[in-house]
Every structure is written in structure tokens, then in C-alpha cells.
Amino acid sequence: MAGKLMKAVQYNGYGEGPDGLQVVDIILGPSALVTFALKKLTLSKKQLVPLILIPKSENLQYLVNLVKEGKLKTIIDSKYPLGKAKDAWAKSIDGHATGKIIVEP
């Protein structure tokens, strides 16, 4: 893929659903699967429902509309200048962030 600009987007957000607070995580990884299994095993009232989003324009537009309507919000933990990207990465790896970590130019 040399010479091509690649973009990757991870979006996590939350919104009010019919049964209360819902979280949207469109990057399904191993930690999400472990959390899902633990919630089921412990009979927790909190639910994690895995969702695999196929990147179709109508699906992405649906998420954009939720954001525009104020029904889906992103929690920002911290912002770092590009020169401190290493610190941002360290915080992400440590797992202590309570929202998204933003690296700004």
C-alpha cells in the first residue's frame, strides 16, 4: 500500500436508548469479546451487545445523524499535541483513559 493515504477511524460513543444508556463501539476487539463473555457469565444487568458494522455509506450516515442530533456523544479523556504522541500512546496502552485520547497537529 505504499504511496496511498490510509485512514482508520475508531469511534466510541454513548447515547440514550429505550432501555437507558447504550454504548457504541464499532471496533470489536478481543477485550470487547472478553467483556461480553464476563457480563453474560456474571449475569450483570449491564449488557454489551457485539455489533459488527459493515462500512456502508448509509450506516455511517446513520451515525453522523445521531451525532448531529445530539443523541450520540464522544467522551474525550485528554488531548495531546503531536509532539507528545508518545505520551498519548502510553496512556492508551496503560488502559487508564476514560474516553478518547486525541492527538492534535
N, C-alpha and C. Protein backbone atom coordinates (compact mmCIF):
# COMPACT_ATOMS: atom_id res chain seq x y z
N MET A 1 0.82 -1.19 0.00
CA MET A 1 0.00 0.00 0.00
C MET A 1 0.87 1.26 0.00
N ALA A 2 2.10 1.13 -0.39
CA ALA A 2 3.00 2.28 -0.38
C ALA A 2 2.47 3.37 -1.31
N GLY A 3 2.58 4.61 -0.86
CA GLY A 3 2.15 5.74 -1.67
C GLY A 3 0.68 6.07 -1.57
N LYS A 4 -0.09 5.27 -0.84
CA LYS A 4 -1.52 5.54 -0.69
C LYS A 4 -1.80 6.05 0.70
N LEU A 5 -2.69 7.02 0.78
CA LEU A 5 -3.08 7.57 2.07
C LEU A 5 -4.14 6.66 2.67
N MET A 6 -3.88 6.17 3.84
CA MET A 6 -4.82 5.27 4.52
C MET A 6 -5.41 6.00 5.71
N LYS A 7 -6.71 5.84 5.92
CA LYS A 7 -7.37 6.44 7.06
C LYS A 7 -8.01 5.33 7.88
N ALA A 8 -7.87 5.44 9.17
CA ALA A 8 -8.53 4.49 10.07
C ALA A 8 -9.31 5.30 11.08
N VAL A 9 -10.52 4.89 11.35
CA VAL A 9 -11.37 5.61 12.29
C VAL A 9 -11.87 4.63 13.33
N GLN A 10 -11.69 5.00 14.58
CA GLN A 10 -12.30 4.24 15.66
C GLN A 10 -13.26 5.19 16.33
N TYR A 11 -14.49 4.76 16.48
CA TYR A 11 -15.47 5.64 17.08
C TYR A 11 -16.15 4.93 18.24
N ASN A 12 -16.10 5.53 19.36
CA ASN A 12 -16.84 5.06 20.51
C ASN A 12 -17.73 6.21 20.93
N GLY A 13 -18.91 5.92 21.33
CA GLY A 13 -19.80 6.97 21.80
C GLY A 13 -20.87 6.37 22.69
N TYR A 14 -21.72 7.23 23.17
CA TYR A 14 -22.81 6.75 24.00
C TYR A 14 -24.06 7.55 23.67
N GLY A 15 -25.20 6.98 23.99
CA GLY A 15 -26.47 7.67 23.75
C GLY A 15 -27.57 7.03 24.57
N GLU A 16 -28.70 7.70 24.63
CA GLU A 16 -29.84 7.17 25.37
C GLU A 16 -30.64 6.25 24.45
N GLY A 17 -30.82 5.04 24.89
CA GLY A 17 -31.64 4.10 24.15
C GLY A 17 -32.92 3.85 24.92
N PRO A 18 -33.79 3.00 24.39
CA PRO A 18 -35.07 2.74 25.06
C PRO A 18 -34.91 2.13 26.45
N ASP A 19 -33.80 1.44 26.69
CA ASP A 19 -33.58 0.80 27.98
C ASP A 19 -32.51 1.52 28.80
N GLY A 20 -32.23 2.78 28.48
CA GLY A 20 -31.22 3.52 29.23
C GLY A 20 -29.99 3.77 28.41
N LEU A 21 -28.87 3.97 29.09
CA LEU A 21 -27.61 4.32 28.44
C LEU A 21 -27.10 3.17 27.58
N GLN A 22 -26.71 3.49 26.38
CA GLN A 22 -26.13 2.50 25.49
C GLN A 22 -24.79 3.00 25.00
N VAL A 23 -23.86 2.10 24.79
CA VAL A 23 -22.53 2.45 24.31
C VAL A 23 -22.36 1.86 22.92
N VAL A 24 -21.77 2.63 22.04
CA VAL A 24 -21.50 2.16 20.68
C VAL A 24 -19.99 2.06 20.53
N ASP A 25 -19.50 0.89 20.17
CA ASP A 25 -18.08 0.68 19.91
C ASP A 25 -17.99 -0.05 18.59
N ILE A 26 -17.58 0.64 17.54
CA ILE A 26 -17.58 -0.02 16.24
C ILE A 26 -16.27 -0.72 15.92
N ILE A 27 -15.38 -0.78 16.88
CA ILE A 27 -14.16 -1.57 16.73
C ILE A 27 -14.29 -2.75 17.69
N LEU A 28 -14.63 -3.89 17.16
CA LEU A 28 -14.82 -5.07 18.00
C LEU A 28 -13.48 -5.78 18.12
N GLY A 29 -12.92 -5.79 19.31
CA GLY A 29 -11.62 -6.42 19.52
C GLY A 29 -11.71 -7.48 20.60
N PRO A 30 -10.59 -8.10 20.92
CA PRO A 30 -10.57 -9.15 21.92
C PRO A 30 -11.10 -8.70 23.28
N SER A 31 -10.78 -7.47 23.69
CA SER A 31 -11.24 -7.02 25.01
C SER A 31 -12.76 -6.89 25.05
N ALA A 32 -13.36 -6.48 23.94
CA ALA A 32 -14.82 -6.37 23.88
C ALA A 32 -15.46 -7.75 23.99
N LEU A 33 -14.86 -8.74 23.35
CA LEU A 33 -15.40 -10.10 23.42
C LEU A 33 -15.27 -10.68 24.83
N VAL A 34 -14.15 -10.41 25.50
CA VAL A 34 -13.96 -10.87 26.87
C VAL A 34 -14.98 -10.20 27.79
N THR A 35 -15.16 -8.89 27.63
CA THR A 35 -16.14 -8.17 28.45
C THR A 35 -17.53 -8.73 28.23
N PHE A 36 -17.89 -8.99 26.98
CA PHE A 36 -19.20 -9.57 26.65
C PHE A 36 -19.39 -10.90 27.37
N ALA A 37 -18.37 -11.76 27.31
CA ALA A 37 -18.46 -13.07 27.95
C ALA A 37 -18.58 -12.94 29.47
N LEU A 38 -17.80 -12.05 30.08
CA LEU A 38 -17.86 -11.86 31.54
C LEU A 38 -19.22 -11.34 31.98
N LYS A 39 -19.80 -10.43 31.22
CA LYS A 39 -21.12 -9.89 31.57
C LYS A 39 -22.17 -11.00 31.53
N LYS A 40 -22.06 -11.88 30.55
CA LYS A 40 -23.01 -13.00 30.45
C LYS A 40 -22.80 -13.99 31.60
N LEU A 41 -21.55 -14.29 31.91
CA LEU A 41 -21.26 -15.27 32.96
C LEU A 41 -21.66 -14.77 34.35
N THR A 42 -21.51 -13.47 34.60
CA THR A 42 -21.83 -12.93 35.92
C THR A 42 -23.27 -12.45 36.02
N LEU A 43 -24.03 -12.61 34.95
CA LEU A 43 -25.43 -12.18 34.92
C LEU A 43 -25.58 -10.70 35.26
N SER A 44 -24.62 -9.91 34.82
CA SER A 44 -24.65 -8.48 35.07
C SER A 44 -25.85 -7.85 34.38
N LYS A 45 -26.42 -6.81 35.02
CA LYS A 45 -27.53 -6.09 34.39
C LYS A 45 -27.05 -5.23 33.23
N LYS A 46 -25.76 -4.88 33.25
CA LYS A 46 -25.20 -4.12 32.13
C LYS A 46 -24.98 -5.09 30.98
N GLN A 47 -25.35 -4.68 29.81
CA GLN A 47 -25.21 -5.55 28.65
C GLN A 47 -24.25 -4.97 27.63
N LEU A 48 -23.50 -5.83 27.03
CA LEU A 48 -22.67 -5.48 25.89
C LEU A 48 -23.16 -6.34 24.74
N VAL A 49 -23.64 -5.69 23.71
CA VAL A 49 -24.13 -6.42 22.55
C VAL A 49 -23.16 -6.18 21.41
N PRO A 50 -22.42 -7.21 21.01
CA PRO A 50 -21.46 -7.01 19.92
C PRO A 50 -22.18 -6.58 18.64
N LEU A 51 -21.60 -5.62 17.96
CA LEU A 51 -22.15 -5.11 16.71
C LEU A 51 -21.01 -5.01 15.72
N ILE A 52 -21.16 -5.69 14.62
CA ILE A 52 -20.16 -5.57 13.56
C ILE A 52 -20.76 -4.67 12.50
N LEU A 53 -20.15 -3.53 12.30
CA LEU A 53 -20.65 -2.55 11.36
C LEU A 53 -19.90 -2.68 10.05
N ILE A 54 -20.63 -3.00 9.01
CA ILE A 54 -20.05 -3.04 7.68
C ILE A 54 -20.03 -1.61 7.17
N PRO A 55 -18.88 -1.09 6.77
CA PRO A 55 -18.78 0.33 6.42
C PRO A 55 -19.51 0.69 5.12
N LYS A 56 -20.83 0.70 5.20
CA LYS A 56 -21.65 1.15 4.08
C LYS A 56 -22.02 2.60 4.35
N SER A 57 -22.18 3.36 3.31
CA SER A 57 -22.43 4.80 3.48
C SER A 57 -23.69 5.07 4.30
N GLU A 58 -24.74 4.27 4.13
CA GLU A 58 -25.97 4.52 4.90
C GLU A 58 -25.77 4.25 6.40
N ASN A 59 -24.93 3.28 6.73
CA ASN A 59 -24.65 3.01 8.14
C ASN A 59 -23.85 4.15 8.77
N LEU A 60 -22.84 4.62 8.04
CA LEU A 60 -22.03 5.72 8.55
C LEU A 60 -22.84 7.00 8.63
N GLN A 61 -23.74 7.22 7.67
CA GLN A 61 -24.59 8.40 7.70
C GLN A 61 -25.52 8.35 8.90
N TYR A 62 -25.99 7.15 9.26
CA TYR A 62 -26.84 6.99 10.44
C TYR A 62 -26.09 7.47 11.70
N LEU A 63 -24.82 7.07 11.83
CA LEU A 63 -24.02 7.52 12.97
C LEU A 63 -23.81 9.03 12.94
N VAL A 64 -23.55 9.58 11.76
CA VAL A 64 -23.37 11.03 11.63
C VAL A 64 -24.64 11.75 12.07
N ASN A 65 -25.79 11.26 11.65
CA ASN A 65 -27.06 11.88 12.03
C ASN A 65 -27.29 11.83 13.54
N LEU A 66 -26.93 10.72 14.17
CA LEU A 66 -27.07 10.62 15.63
C LEU A 66 -26.21 11.67 16.32
N VAL A 67 -25.00 11.88 15.81
CA VAL A 67 -24.12 12.89 16.39
C VAL A 67 -24.71 14.28 16.19
N LYS A 68 -25.18 14.58 14.99
CA LYS A 68 -25.76 15.90 14.69
C LYS A 68 -26.98 16.18 15.55
N GLU A 69 -27.78 15.15 15.83
CA GLU A 69 -28.99 15.30 16.64
C GLU A 69 -28.69 15.34 18.13
N GLY A 70 -27.42 15.16 18.49
CA GLY A 70 -27.05 15.18 19.90
C GLY A 70 -27.41 13.90 20.64
N LYS A 71 -27.71 12.84 19.90
CA LYS A 71 -28.09 11.57 20.52
C LYS A 71 -26.90 10.64 20.74
N LEU A 72 -25.76 11.00 20.18
CA LEU A 72 -24.56 10.18 20.32
C LEU A 72 -23.40 11.14 20.56
N LYS A 73 -22.71 10.96 21.67
CA LYS A 73 -21.64 11.86 22.05
C LYS A 73 -20.35 11.06 22.30
N THR A 74 -19.24 11.68 22.02
CA THR A 74 -17.95 11.07 22.28
C THR A 74 -17.39 11.63 23.58
N ILE A 75 -16.89 10.76 24.42
CA ILE A 75 -16.26 11.18 25.67
C ILE A 75 -14.77 11.36 25.38
N ILE A 76 -14.26 12.56 25.61
CA ILE A 76 -12.84 12.85 25.38
C ILE A 76 -12.12 12.85 26.73
N ASP A 77 -11.15 11.96 26.86
CA ASP A 77 -10.36 11.87 28.08
C ASP A 77 -9.30 12.97 28.12
N SER A 78 -8.54 13.11 27.04
CA SER A 78 -7.44 14.07 27.04
C SER A 78 -7.03 14.40 25.61
N LYS A 79 -6.29 15.52 25.49
CA LYS A 79 -5.76 15.95 24.20
C LYS A 79 -4.26 16.16 24.34
N TYR A 80 -3.52 15.73 23.32
CA TYR A 80 -2.07 15.87 23.30
C TYR A 80 -1.64 16.53 22.00
N PRO A 81 -0.61 17.39 22.04
CA PRO A 81 -0.05 17.89 20.78
C PRO A 81 0.71 16.75 20.10
N LEU A 82 0.88 16.86 18.79
CA LEU A 82 1.54 15.81 18.03
C LEU A 82 2.92 15.47 18.60
N GLY A 83 3.62 16.46 19.12
CA GLY A 83 4.94 16.23 19.70
C GLY A 83 4.92 15.34 20.93
N LYS A 84 3.75 15.16 21.53
CA LYS A 84 3.63 14.30 22.71
C LYS A 84 2.81 13.06 22.41
N ALA A 85 2.79 12.66 21.13
CA ALA A 85 2.04 11.47 20.72
C ALA A 85 2.48 10.22 21.49
N LYS A 86 3.77 10.17 21.83
CA LYS A 86 4.29 9.02 22.58
C LYS A 86 3.61 8.94 23.96
N ASP A 87 3.39 10.09 24.60
CA ASP A 87 2.71 10.12 25.89
C ASP A 87 1.25 9.68 25.75
N ALA A 88 0.61 10.12 24.66
CA ALA A 88 -0.78 9.73 24.40
C ALA A 88 -0.87 8.22 24.20
N TRP A 89 0.07 7.67 23.45
CA TRP A 89 0.09 6.22 23.21
C TRP A 89 0.30 5.47 24.52
N ALA A 90 1.20 5.96 25.37
CA ALA A 90 1.46 5.31 26.66
C ALA A 90 0.20 5.30 27.52
N LYS A 91 -0.53 6.40 27.53
CA LYS A 91 -1.77 6.45 28.31
C LYS A 91 -2.79 5.45 27.76
N SER A 92 -2.85 5.36 26.45
CA SER A 92 -3.78 4.42 25.82
C SER A 92 -3.42 2.97 26.18
N ILE A 93 -2.15 2.65 26.11
CA ILE A 93 -1.68 1.29 26.42
C ILE A 93 -1.90 0.96 27.89
N ASP A 94 -1.71 1.95 28.78
CA ASP A 94 -1.90 1.72 30.21
C ASP A 94 -3.35 1.38 30.55
N GLY A 95 -4.28 1.78 29.70
CA GLY A 95 -5.69 1.47 29.94
C GLY A 95 -6.35 2.36 30.97
N HIS A 96 -5.78 3.53 31.24
CA HIS A 96 -6.35 4.41 32.26
C HIS A 96 -7.22 5.52 31.68
N ALA A 97 -7.41 5.55 30.38
CA ALA A 97 -8.24 6.59 29.77
C ALA A 97 -9.71 6.28 30.01
N THR A 98 -10.49 7.32 30.27
CA THR A 98 -11.93 7.15 30.47
C THR A 98 -12.71 7.67 29.27
N GLY A 99 -12.06 7.83 28.17
CA GLY A 99 -12.67 8.31 26.93
C GLY A 99 -11.63 8.27 25.83
N LYS A 100 -11.88 8.99 24.77
CA LYS A 100 -10.95 9.02 23.65
C LYS A 100 -9.75 9.90 23.97
N ILE A 101 -8.61 9.52 23.45
CA ILE A 101 -7.38 10.30 23.57
C ILE A 101 -7.14 10.92 22.20
N ILE A 102 -7.09 12.25 22.17
CA ILE A 102 -6.96 12.98 20.91
C ILE A 102 -5.52 13.46 20.74
N VAL A 103 -4.94 13.22 19.56
CA VAL A 103 -3.63 13.76 19.22
C VAL A 103 -3.87 14.81 18.13
N GLU A 104 -3.49 16.06 18.44
CA GLU A 104 -3.75 17.18 17.54
C GLU A 104 -2.48 17.65 16.86
N PRO A 105 -2.60 18.12 15.61
CA PRO A 105 -1.41 18.64 14.91
C PRO A 105 -0.90 19.92 15.55
